[in-house]
Full PDB file with SEQRES, HELIX, SHEET, SSBOND, CRYST1, ORIGX, SCALE, CONECT and MASTER records, all heavy atoms in Angstrom:
SEQRES   1 A   40  ALA LEU SER ALA HIS ARG THR PRO SER GLU VAL GLU GLU          
SEQRES   2 A   40  PHE ALA VAL GLN ALA ALA GLY ARG GLY LEU LYS VAL ILE          
SEQRES   3 A   40  ILE ALA GLY ALA GLY MET ALA ALA ALA LEU PRO GLY VAL          
SEQRES   4 A   40  ILE                                                          
HELIX    1 AA1 PRO A    8  ALA A   18  1                                  11    
HELIX    2 AA2 ALA A   19  ARG A   21  5                                   3    
HELIX    3 AA3 LEU A   36  VAL A   39  1                                   4    
CRYST1    1.000    1.000    1.000  90.00  90.00  90.00 P 1           1          
ORIGX1      1.000000  0.000000  0.000000        0.00000                         
ORIGX2      0.000000  1.000000  0.000000        0.00000                         
ORIGX3      0.000000  0.000000  1.000000        0.00000                         
SCALE1      1.000000  0.000000  0.000000        0.00000                         
SCALE2      0.000000  1.000000  0.000000        0.00000                         
SCALE3      0.000000  0.000000  1.000000        0.00000                         
ATOM      1  N   ALA A   1      90.590   7.159  76.520  1.00  0.00           N  
ATOM      2  CA  ALA A   1      89.428   8.031  76.368  1.00  0.00           C  
ATOM      3  C   ALA A   1      89.133   8.189  74.879  1.00  0.00           C  
ATOM      4  O   ALA A   1      90.021   8.523  74.091  1.00  0.00           O  
ATOM      5  CB  ALA A   1      89.689   9.391  77.001  1.00  0.00           C  
ATOM      6  N   LEU A   2      87.899   7.905  74.505  1.00  0.00           N  
ATOM      7  CA  LEU A   2      87.407   8.106  73.138  1.00  0.00           C  
ATOM      8  C   LEU A   2      85.978   8.615  73.252  1.00  0.00           C  
ATOM      9  O   LEU A   2      85.223   8.138  74.102  1.00  0.00           O  
ATOM     10  CB  LEU A   2      87.406   6.797  72.343  1.00  0.00           C  
ATOM     11  CG  LEU A   2      88.744   6.184  71.971  1.00  0.00           C  
ATOM     12  CD1 LEU A   2      88.550   4.793  71.394  1.00  0.00           C  
ATOM     13  CD2 LEU A   2      89.470   7.075  70.985  1.00  0.00           C  
ATOM     14  N   SER A   3      85.597   9.536  72.431  1.00  0.00           N  
ATOM     15  CA  SER A   3      84.257  10.107  72.501  1.00  0.00           C  
ATOM     16  C   SER A   3      83.469   9.775  71.245  1.00  0.00           C  
ATOM     17  O   SER A   3      83.936  10.023  70.128  1.00  0.00           O  
ATOM     18  CB  SER A   3      84.351  11.628  72.660  1.00  0.00           C  
ATOM     19  OG  SER A   3      83.080  12.223  72.497  1.00  0.00           O  
ATOM     20  N   ALA A   4      82.276   9.239  71.441  1.00  0.00           N  
ATOM     21  CA  ALA A   4      81.409   8.919  70.309  1.00  0.00           C  
ATOM     22  C   ALA A   4      81.017  10.176  69.544  1.00  0.00           C  
ATOM     23  O   ALA A   4      80.757  10.116  68.341  1.00  0.00           O  
ATOM     24  CB  ALA A   4      80.157   8.195  70.790  1.00  0.00           C  
ATOM     25  N   HIS A   5      81.010  11.317  70.225  1.00  0.00           N  
ATOM     26  CA  HIS A   5      80.582  12.558  69.592  1.00  0.00           C  
ATOM     27  C   HIS A   5      81.737  13.439  69.135  1.00  0.00           C  
ATOM     28  O   HIS A   5      81.633  14.133  68.128  1.00  0.00           O  
ATOM     29  CB  HIS A   5      79.681  13.352  70.551  1.00  0.00           C  
ATOM     30  CG  HIS A   5      78.470  12.595  70.938  1.00  0.00           C  
ATOM     31  ND1 HIS A   5      78.311  12.015  72.185  1.00  0.00           N  
ATOM     32  CD2 HIS A   5      77.351  12.259  70.242  1.00  0.00           C  
ATOM     33  CE1 HIS A   5      77.155  11.384  72.230  1.00  0.00           C  
ATOM     34  NE2 HIS A   5      76.556  11.520  71.069  1.00  0.00           N  
ATOM     35  N   ARG A   6      82.856  13.411  69.858  1.00  0.00           N  
ATOM     36  CA  ARG A   6      83.979  14.297  69.517  1.00  0.00           C  
ATOM     37  C   ARG A   6      85.048  13.599  68.680  1.00  0.00           C  
ATOM     38  O   ARG A   6      85.809  14.252  67.958  1.00  0.00           O  
ATOM     39  CB  ARG A   6      84.592  14.874  70.778  1.00  0.00           C  
ATOM     40  CG  ARG A   6      83.671  15.924  71.417  1.00  0.00           C  
ATOM     41  CD  ARG A   6      84.172  16.305  72.771  1.00  0.00           C  
ATOM     42  NE  ARG A   6      83.762  15.226  73.669  1.00  0.00           N  
ATOM     43  CZ  ARG A   6      83.559  15.368  74.961  1.00  0.00           C  
ATOM     44  NH1 ARG A   6      83.776  16.513  75.546  1.00  0.00           N  
ATOM     45  NH2 ARG A   6      83.153  14.357  75.699  1.00  0.00           N  
ATOM     46  N   THR A   7      85.151  12.257  68.793  1.00  0.00           N  
ATOM     47  CA  THR A   7      86.131  11.507  67.992  1.00  0.00           C  
ATOM     48  C   THR A   7      85.456  10.275  67.368  1.00  0.00           C  
ATOM     49  O   THR A   7      85.890   9.145  67.562  1.00  0.00           O  
ATOM     50  CB  THR A   7      87.338  11.055  68.857  1.00  0.00           C  
ATOM     51  OG1 THR A   7      86.859  10.231  69.934  1.00  0.00           O  
ATOM     52  CG2 THR A   7      88.106  12.239  69.409  1.00  0.00           C  
ATOM     53  N   PRO A   8      84.384  10.485  66.605  1.00  0.00           N  
ATOM     54  CA  PRO A   8      83.624   9.332  66.092  1.00  0.00           C  
ATOM     55  C   PRO A   8      84.428   8.409  65.179  1.00  0.00           C  
ATOM     56  O   PRO A   8      84.273   7.187  65.246  1.00  0.00           O  
ATOM     57  CB  PRO A   8      82.447   9.968  65.351  1.00  0.00           C  
ATOM     58  CG  PRO A   8      82.881  11.363  65.053  1.00  0.00           C  
ATOM     59  CD  PRO A   8      83.813  11.758  66.158  1.00  0.00           C  
ATOM     60  N   SER A   9      85.295   8.953  64.332  1.00  0.00           N  
ATOM     61  CA  SER A   9      86.059   8.077  63.433  1.00  0.00           C  
ATOM     62  C   SER A   9      87.074   7.243  64.217  1.00  0.00           C  
ATOM     63  O   SER A   9      87.306   6.071  63.883  1.00  0.00           O  
ATOM     64  CB  SER A   9      86.747   8.880  62.323  1.00  0.00           C  
ATOM     65  OG  SER A   9      87.621   9.833  62.874  1.00  0.00           O  
ATOM     66  N   GLU A  10      87.646   7.807  65.290  1.00  0.00           N  
ATOM     67  CA  GLU A  10      88.579   7.050  66.128  1.00  0.00           C  
ATOM     68  C   GLU A  10      87.862   5.935  66.888  1.00  0.00           C  
ATOM     69  O   GLU A  10      88.407   4.845  67.059  1.00  0.00           O  
ATOM     70  CB  GLU A  10      89.311   7.979  67.101  1.00  0.00           C  
ATOM     71  CG  GLU A  10      90.340   8.881  66.459  1.00  0.00           C  
ATOM     72  CD  GLU A  10      89.763  10.173  65.885  1.00  0.00           C  
ATOM     73  OE1 GLU A  10      88.515  10.304  65.778  1.00  0.00           O  
ATOM     74  OE2 GLU A  10      90.564  11.056  65.530  1.00  0.00           O  
ATOM     75  N   VAL A  11      86.635   6.194  67.316  1.00  0.00           N  
ATOM     76  CA  VAL A  11      85.843   5.165  68.002  1.00  0.00           C  
ATOM     77  C   VAL A  11      85.556   4.021  67.039  1.00  0.00           C  
ATOM     78  O   VAL A  11      85.723   2.844  67.380  1.00  0.00           O  
ATOM     79  CB  VAL A  11      84.527   5.743  68.575  1.00  0.00           C  
ATOM     80  CG1 VAL A  11      83.620   4.627  69.080  1.00  0.00           C  
ATOM     81  CG2 VAL A  11      84.821   6.738  69.682  1.00  0.00           C  
ATOM     82  N   GLU A  12      85.133   4.349  65.838  1.00  0.00           N  
ATOM     83  CA  GLU A  12      84.844   3.316  64.844  1.00  0.00           C  
ATOM     84  C   GLU A  12      86.095   2.505  64.526  1.00  0.00           C  
ATOM     85  O   GLU A  12      86.045   1.269  64.481  1.00  0.00           O  
ATOM     86  CB  GLU A  12      84.276   3.939  63.570  1.00  0.00           C  
ATOM     87  CG  GLU A  12      83.896   2.905  62.534  1.00  0.00           C  
ATOM     88  CD  GLU A  12      83.280   3.509  61.284  1.00  0.00           C  
ATOM     89  OE1 GLU A  12      83.023   4.730  61.255  1.00  0.00           O  
ATOM     90  OE2 GLU A  12      83.063   2.742  60.330  1.00  0.00           O  
ATOM     91  N   GLU A  13      87.219   3.175  64.313  1.00  0.00           N  
ATOM     92  CA  GLU A  13      88.480   2.484  64.014  1.00  0.00           C  
ATOM     93  C   GLU A  13      88.865   1.554  65.172  1.00  0.00           C  
ATOM     94  O   GLU A  13      89.266   0.408  64.952  1.00  0.00           O  
ATOM     95  CB  GLU A  13      89.578   3.503  63.762  1.00  0.00           C  
ATOM     96  CG  GLU A  13      90.919   2.883  63.419  1.00  0.00           C  
ATOM     97  CD  GLU A  13      92.009   3.929  63.202  1.00  0.00           C  
ATOM     98  OE1 GLU A  13      91.707   5.136  63.153  1.00  0.00           O  
ATOM     99  OE2 GLU A  13      93.178   3.508  63.103  1.00  0.00           O  
ATOM    100  N   PHE A  14      88.767   2.064  66.399  1.00  0.00           N  
ATOM    101  CA  PHE A  14      89.069   1.235  67.580  1.00  0.00           C  
ATOM    102  C   PHE A  14      88.209  -0.030  67.579  1.00  0.00           C  
ATOM    103  O   PHE A  14      88.717  -1.141  67.737  1.00  0.00           O  
ATOM    104  CB  PHE A  14      88.828   2.024  68.875  1.00  0.00           C  
ATOM    105  CG  PHE A  14      88.679   1.137  70.075  1.00  0.00           C  
ATOM    106  CD1 PHE A  14      89.791   0.585  70.696  1.00  0.00           C  
ATOM    107  CD2 PHE A  14      87.416   0.808  70.560  1.00  0.00           C  
ATOM    108  CE1 PHE A  14      89.646  -0.271  71.774  1.00  0.00           C  
ATOM    109  CE2 PHE A  14      87.268  -0.041  71.639  1.00  0.00           C  
ATOM    110  CZ  PHE A  14      88.384  -0.588  72.245  1.00  0.00           C  
ATOM    111  N   ALA A  15      86.901   0.132  67.409  1.00  0.00           N  
ATOM    112  CA  ALA A  15      85.981  -1.004  67.493  1.00  0.00           C  
ATOM    113  C   ALA A  15      86.219  -2.019  66.381  1.00  0.00           C  
ATOM    114  O   ALA A  15      86.227  -3.228  66.616  1.00  0.00           O  
ATOM    115  CB  ALA A  15      84.536  -0.505  67.454  1.00  0.00           C  
ATOM    116  N   VAL A  16      86.437  -1.534  65.174  1.00  0.00           N  
ATOM    117  CA  VAL A  16      86.669  -2.420  64.026  1.00  0.00           C  
ATOM    118  C   VAL A  16      87.942  -3.241  64.216  1.00  0.00           C  
ATOM    119  O   VAL A  16      87.995  -4.416  63.863  1.00  0.00           O  
ATOM    120  CB  VAL A  16      86.709  -1.601  62.716  1.00  0.00           C  
ATOM    121  CG1 VAL A  16      87.244  -2.427  61.556  1.00  0.00           C  
ATOM    122  CG2 VAL A  16      85.327  -1.050  62.393  1.00  0.00           C  
ATOM    123  N   GLN A  17      88.967  -2.649  64.812  1.00  0.00           N  
ATOM    124  CA  GLN A  17      90.257  -3.316  64.963  1.00  0.00           C  
ATOM    125  C   GLN A  17      90.410  -4.084  66.276  1.00  0.00           C  
ATOM    126  O   GLN A  17      91.393  -4.812  66.456  1.00  0.00           O  
ATOM    127  CB  GLN A  17      91.381  -2.283  64.856  1.00  0.00           C  
ATOM    128  CG  GLN A  17      91.469  -1.646  63.497  1.00  0.00           C  
ATOM    129  CD  GLN A  17      92.533  -0.565  63.416  1.00  0.00           C  
ATOM    130  OE1 GLN A  17      93.212  -0.263  64.378  1.00  0.00           O  
ATOM    131  NE2 GLN A  17      92.668   0.024  62.240  1.00  0.00           N  
ATOM    132  N   ALA A  18      89.472  -3.957  67.199  1.00  0.00           N  
ATOM    133  CA  ALA A  18      89.614  -4.512  68.554  1.00  0.00           C  
ATOM    134  C   ALA A  18      89.873  -6.025  68.560  1.00  0.00           C  
ATOM    135  O   ALA A  18      90.824  -6.490  69.198  1.00  0.00           O  
ATOM    136  CB  ALA A  18      88.387  -4.169  69.396  1.00  0.00           C  
ATOM    137  N   ALA A  19      89.053  -6.784  67.888  1.00  0.00           N  
ATOM    138  CA  ALA A  19      89.222  -8.248  67.897  1.00  0.00           C  
ATOM    139  C   ALA A  19      90.559  -8.644  67.266  1.00  0.00           C  
ATOM    140  O   ALA A  19      91.253  -9.530  67.780  1.00  0.00           O  
ATOM    141  CB  ALA A  19      88.060  -8.923  67.175  1.00  0.00           C  
ATOM    142  N   GLY A  20      90.940  -7.997  66.191  1.00  0.00           N  
ATOM    143  CA  GLY A  20      92.196  -8.291  65.526  1.00  0.00           C  
ATOM    144  C   GLY A  20      93.415  -7.982  66.377  1.00  0.00           C  
ATOM    145  O   GLY A  20      94.484  -8.542  66.157  1.00  0.00           O  
ATOM    146  N   ARG A  21      93.254  -7.104  67.357  1.00  0.00           N  
ATOM    147  CA  ARG A  21      94.354  -6.783  68.269  1.00  0.00           C  
ATOM    148  C   ARG A  21      94.399  -7.731  69.462  1.00  0.00           C  
ATOM    149  O   ARG A  21      95.252  -7.600  70.326  1.00  0.00           O  
ATOM    150  CB  ARG A  21      94.222  -5.341  68.784  1.00  0.00           C  
ATOM    151  CG  ARG A  21      94.431  -4.312  67.715  1.00  0.00           C  
ATOM    152  CD  ARG A  21      94.605  -2.892  68.250  1.00  0.00           C  
ATOM    153  NE  ARG A  21      93.572  -2.436  69.163  1.00  0.00           N  
ATOM    154  CZ  ARG A  21      93.756  -2.223  70.477  1.00  0.00           C  
ATOM    155  NH1 ARG A  21      94.923  -2.435  71.048  1.00  0.00           N  
ATOM    156  NH2 ARG A  21      92.764  -1.785  71.225  1.00  0.00           N  
ATOM    157  N   GLY A  22      93.482  -8.705  69.511  1.00  0.00           N  
ATOM    158  CA  GLY A  22      93.505  -9.689  70.590  1.00  0.00           C  
ATOM    159  C   GLY A  22      92.607  -9.365  71.771  1.00  0.00           C  
ATOM    160  O   GLY A  22      92.593 -10.104  72.754  1.00  0.00           O  
ATOM    161  N   LEU A  23      91.867  -8.271  71.693  1.00  0.00           N  
ATOM    162  CA  LEU A  23      90.932  -7.968  72.783  1.00  0.00           C  
ATOM    163  C   LEU A  23      89.814  -9.001  72.811  1.00  0.00           C  
ATOM    164  O   LEU A  23      89.438  -9.547  71.779  1.00  0.00           O  
ATOM    165  CB  LEU A  23      90.348  -6.559  72.605  1.00  0.00           C  
ATOM    166  CG  LEU A  23      91.343  -5.413  72.749  1.00  0.00           C  
ATOM    167  CD1 LEU A  23      90.685  -4.081  72.378  1.00  0.00           C  
ATOM    168  CD2 LEU A  23      91.897  -5.347  74.169  1.00  0.00           C  
ATOM    169  N   LYS A  24      89.304  -9.266  74.002  1.00  0.00           N  
ATOM    170  CA  LYS A  24      88.225 -10.246  74.179  1.00  0.00           C  
ATOM    171  C   LYS A  24      86.940  -9.605  74.687  1.00  0.00           C  
ATOM    172  O   LYS A  24      85.846 -10.105  74.430  1.00  0.00           O  
ATOM    173  CB  LYS A  24      88.651 -11.350  75.163  1.00  0.00           C  
ATOM    174  CG  LYS A  24      89.918 -12.087  74.776  1.00  0.00           C  
ATOM    175  CD  LYS A  24      89.727 -12.894  73.527  1.00  0.00           C  
ATOM    176  CE  LYS A  24      90.992 -13.648  73.174  1.00  0.00           C  
ATOM    177  NZ  LYS A  24      91.040 -14.000  71.774  1.00  0.00           N  
ATOM    178  N   VAL A  25      87.058  -8.520  75.462  1.00  0.00           N  
ATOM    179  CA  VAL A  25      85.910  -7.831  76.055  1.00  0.00           C  
ATOM    180  C   VAL A  25      86.228  -6.337  76.095  1.00  0.00           C  
ATOM    181  O   VAL A  25      87.374  -5.945  76.337  1.00  0.00           O  
ATOM    182  CB  VAL A  25      85.615  -8.313  77.500  1.00  0.00           C  
ATOM    183  CG1 VAL A  25      84.369  -7.646  78.058  1.00  0.00           C  
ATOM    184  CG2 VAL A  25      85.482  -9.828  77.575  1.00  0.00           C  
ATOM    185  N   ILE A  26      85.193  -5.520  75.888  1.00  0.00           N  
ATOM    186  CA  ILE A  26      85.344  -4.071  75.962  1.00  0.00           C  
ATOM    187  C   ILE A  26      84.379  -3.542  77.022  1.00  0.00           C  
ATOM    188  O   ILE A  26      83.192  -3.894  77.030  1.00  0.00           O  
ATOM    189  CB  ILE A  26      85.041  -3.408  74.604  1.00  0.00           C  
ATOM    190  CG1 ILE A  26      86.023  -3.913  73.544  1.00  0.00           C  
ATOM    191  CG2 ILE A  26      85.083  -1.878  74.725  1.00  0.00           C  
ATOM    192  CD1 ILE A  26      85.639  -3.559  72.118  1.00  0.00           C  
ATOM    193  N   ILE A  27      84.902  -2.703  77.895  1.00  0.00           N  
ATOM    194  CA  ILE A  27      84.073  -1.986  78.870  1.00  0.00           C  
ATOM    195  C   ILE A  27      84.067  -0.531  78.438  1.00  0.00           C  
ATOM    196  O   ILE A  27      85.136   0.074  78.271  1.00  0.00           O  
ATOM    197  CB  ILE A  27      84.641  -2.119  80.296  1.00  0.00           C  
ATOM    198  CG1 ILE A  27      84.598  -3.586  80.746  1.00  0.00           C  
ATOM    199  CG2 ILE A  27      83.865  -1.228  81.266  1.00  0.00           C  
ATOM    200  CD1 ILE A  27      85.265  -3.824  82.085  1.00  0.00           C  
ATOM    201  N   ALA A  28      82.881   0.028  78.243  1.00  0.00           N  
ATOM    202  CA  ALA A  28      82.768   1.406  77.786  1.00  0.00           C  
ATOM    203  C   ALA A  28      81.898   2.196  78.753  1.00  0.00           C  
ATOM    204  O   ALA A  28      80.737   1.867  78.960  1.00  0.00           O  
ATOM    205  CB  ALA A  28      82.180   1.455  76.380  1.00  0.00           C  
ATOM    206  N   GLY A  29      82.489   3.232  79.326  1.00  0.00           N  
ATOM    207  CA  GLY A  29      81.759   4.082  80.254  1.00  0.00           C  
ATOM    208  C   GLY A  29      81.466   5.424  79.634  1.00  0.00           C  
ATOM    209  O   GLY A  29      82.320   6.010  78.960  1.00  0.00           O  
ATOM    210  N   ALA A  30      80.241   5.908  79.857  1.00  0.00           N  
ATOM    211  CA  ALA A  30      79.867   7.211  79.309  1.00  0.00           C  
ATOM    212  C   ALA A  30      78.707   7.781  80.105  1.00  0.00           C  
ATOM    213  O   ALA A  30      77.896   7.045  80.674  1.00  0.00           O  
ATOM    214  CB  ALA A  30      79.477   7.077  77.838  1.00  0.00           C  
ATOM    215  N   GLY A  31      78.629   9.097  80.124  1.00  0.00           N  
ATOM    216  CA  GLY A  31      77.535   9.777  80.803  1.00  0.00           C  
ATOM    217  C   GLY A  31      76.634  10.489  79.819  1.00  0.00           C  
ATOM    218  O   GLY A  31      76.878  10.510  78.611  1.00  0.00           O  
ATOM    219  N   MET A  32      75.587  11.049  80.334  1.00  0.00           N  
ATOM    220  CA  MET A  32      74.582  11.813  79.593  1.00  0.00           C  
ATOM    221  C   MET A  32      74.044  11.025  78.392  1.00  0.00           C  
ATOM    222  O   MET A  32      73.403  10.007  78.587  1.00  0.00           O  
ATOM    223  CB  MET A  32      75.119  13.187  79.221  1.00  0.00           C  
ATOM    224  CG  MET A  32      75.502  13.987  80.458  1.00  0.00           C  
ATOM    225  SD  MET A  32      75.875  15.716  80.238  1.00  0.00           S  
ATOM    226  CE  MET A  32      77.191  15.739  79.083  1.00  0.00           C  
ATOM    227  N   ALA A  33      74.313  11.444  77.159  1.00  0.00           N  
ATOM    228  CA  ALA A  33      73.769  10.750  75.988  1.00  0.00           C  
ATOM    229  C   ALA A  33      74.307   9.327  75.866  1.00  0.00           C  
ATOM    230  O   ALA A  33      73.638   8.452  75.332  1.00  0.00           O  
ATOM    231  CB  ALA A  33      74.075  11.527  74.711  1.00  0.00           C  
ATOM    232  N   ALA A  34      75.493   9.091  76.386  1.00  0.00           N  
ATOM    233  CA  ALA A  34      76.084   7.759  76.530  1.00  0.00           C  
ATOM    234  C   ALA A  34      76.031   6.905  75.275  1.00  0.00           C  
ATOM    235  O   ALA A  34      75.707   5.732  75.317  1.00  0.00           O  
ATOM    236  CB  ALA A  34      75.444   7.034  77.714  1.00  0.00           C  
ATOM    237  N   ALA A  35      76.410   7.477  74.154  1.00  0.00           N  
ATOM    238  CA  ALA A  35      76.397   6.743  72.892  1.00  0.00           C  
ATOM    239  C   ALA A  35      77.584   5.815  72.723  1.00  0.00           C  
ATOM    240  O   ALA A  35      77.545   4.886  71.913  1.00  0.00           O  
ATOM    241  CB  ALA A  35      76.342   7.732  71.731  1.00  0.00           C  
ATOM    242  N   LEU A  36      78.656   6.026  73.479  1.00  0.00           N  
ATOM    243  CA  LEU A  36      79.911   5.306  73.266  1.00  0.00           C  
ATOM    244  C   LEU A  36      79.764   3.780  73.261  1.00  0.00           C  
ATOM    245  O   LEU A  36      80.216   3.129  72.320  1.00  0.00           O  
ATOM    246  CB  LEU A  36      80.952   5.755  74.295  1.00  0.00           C  
ATOM    247  CG  LEU A  36      82.343   5.142  74.181  1.00  0.00           C  
ATOM    248  CD1 LEU A  36      82.979   5.487  72.834  1.00  0.00           C  
ATOM    249  CD2 LEU A  36      83.219   5.613  75.326  1.00  0.00           C  
ATOM    250  N   PRO A  37      79.140   3.165  74.284  1.00  0.00           N  
ATOM    251  CA  PRO A  37      79.039   1.697  74.257  1.00  0.00           C  
ATOM    252  C   PRO A  37      78.299   1.175  73.029  1.00  0.00           C  
ATOM    253  O   PRO A  37      78.722   0.183  72.417  1.00  0.00           O  
ATOM    254  CB  PRO A  37      78.286   1.368  75.545  1.00  0.00           C  
ATOM    255  CG  PRO A  37      78.515   2.543  76.433  1.00  0.00           C  
ATOM    256  CD  PRO A  37      78.600   3.729  75.524  1.00  0.00           C  
ATOM    257  N   GLY A  38      77.240   1.841  72.638  1.00  0.00           N  
ATOM    258  CA  GLY A  38      76.463   1.397  71.480  1.00  0.00           C  
ATOM    259  C   GLY A  38      77.208   1.550  70.173  1.00  0.00           C  
ATOM    260  O   GLY A  38      77.133   0.684  69.298  1.00  0.00           O  
ATOM    261  N   VAL A  39      77.933   2.641  70.009  1.00  0.00           N  
ATOM    262  CA  VAL A  39      78.715   2.846  68.791  1.00  0.00           C  
ATOM    263  C   VAL A  39      79.800   1.782  68.695  1.00  0.00           C  
ATOM    264  O   VAL A  39      80.046   1.228  67.621  1.00  0.00           O  
ATOM    265  CB  VAL A  39      79.308   4.274  68.749  1.00  0.00           C  
ATOM    266  CG1 VAL A  39      80.298   4.420  67.605  1.00  0.00           C  
ATOM    267  CG2 VAL A  39      78.196   5.307  68.631  1.00  0.00           C  
ATOM    268  N   ILE A  40      80.435   1.480  69.812  1.00  0.00           N  
ATOM    269  CA  ILE A  40      81.451   0.415  69.803  1.00  0.00           C  
ATOM    270  C   ILE A  40      80.803  -0.920  69.446  1.00  0.00           C  
ATOM    271  O   ILE A  40      81.289  -1.651  68.584  1.00  0.00           O  
ATOM    272  CB  ILE A  40      82.187   0.347  71.153  1.00  0.00           C  
ATOM    273  CG1 ILE A  40      83.050   1.600  71.345  1.00  0.00           C  
ATOM    274  CG2 ILE A  40      83.045  -0.921  71.240  1.00  0.00           C  
ATOM    275  CD1 ILE A  40      83.653   1.736  72.735  1.00  0.00           C  
TER     276      ILE A  40                                                      
MASTER        0    0    0    3    0    0    0    6  275    1    0    4          
END                                                                             
């Protein structure tokens, strides 16, 4: 769980480091304003 609005720096850090950690695809679920997928 990461929130684009409540933990924005953690979301950015996660996204920046994702490829380097070997991830290939990210699925991001969010409701209402739903900024999480776009920020990632």
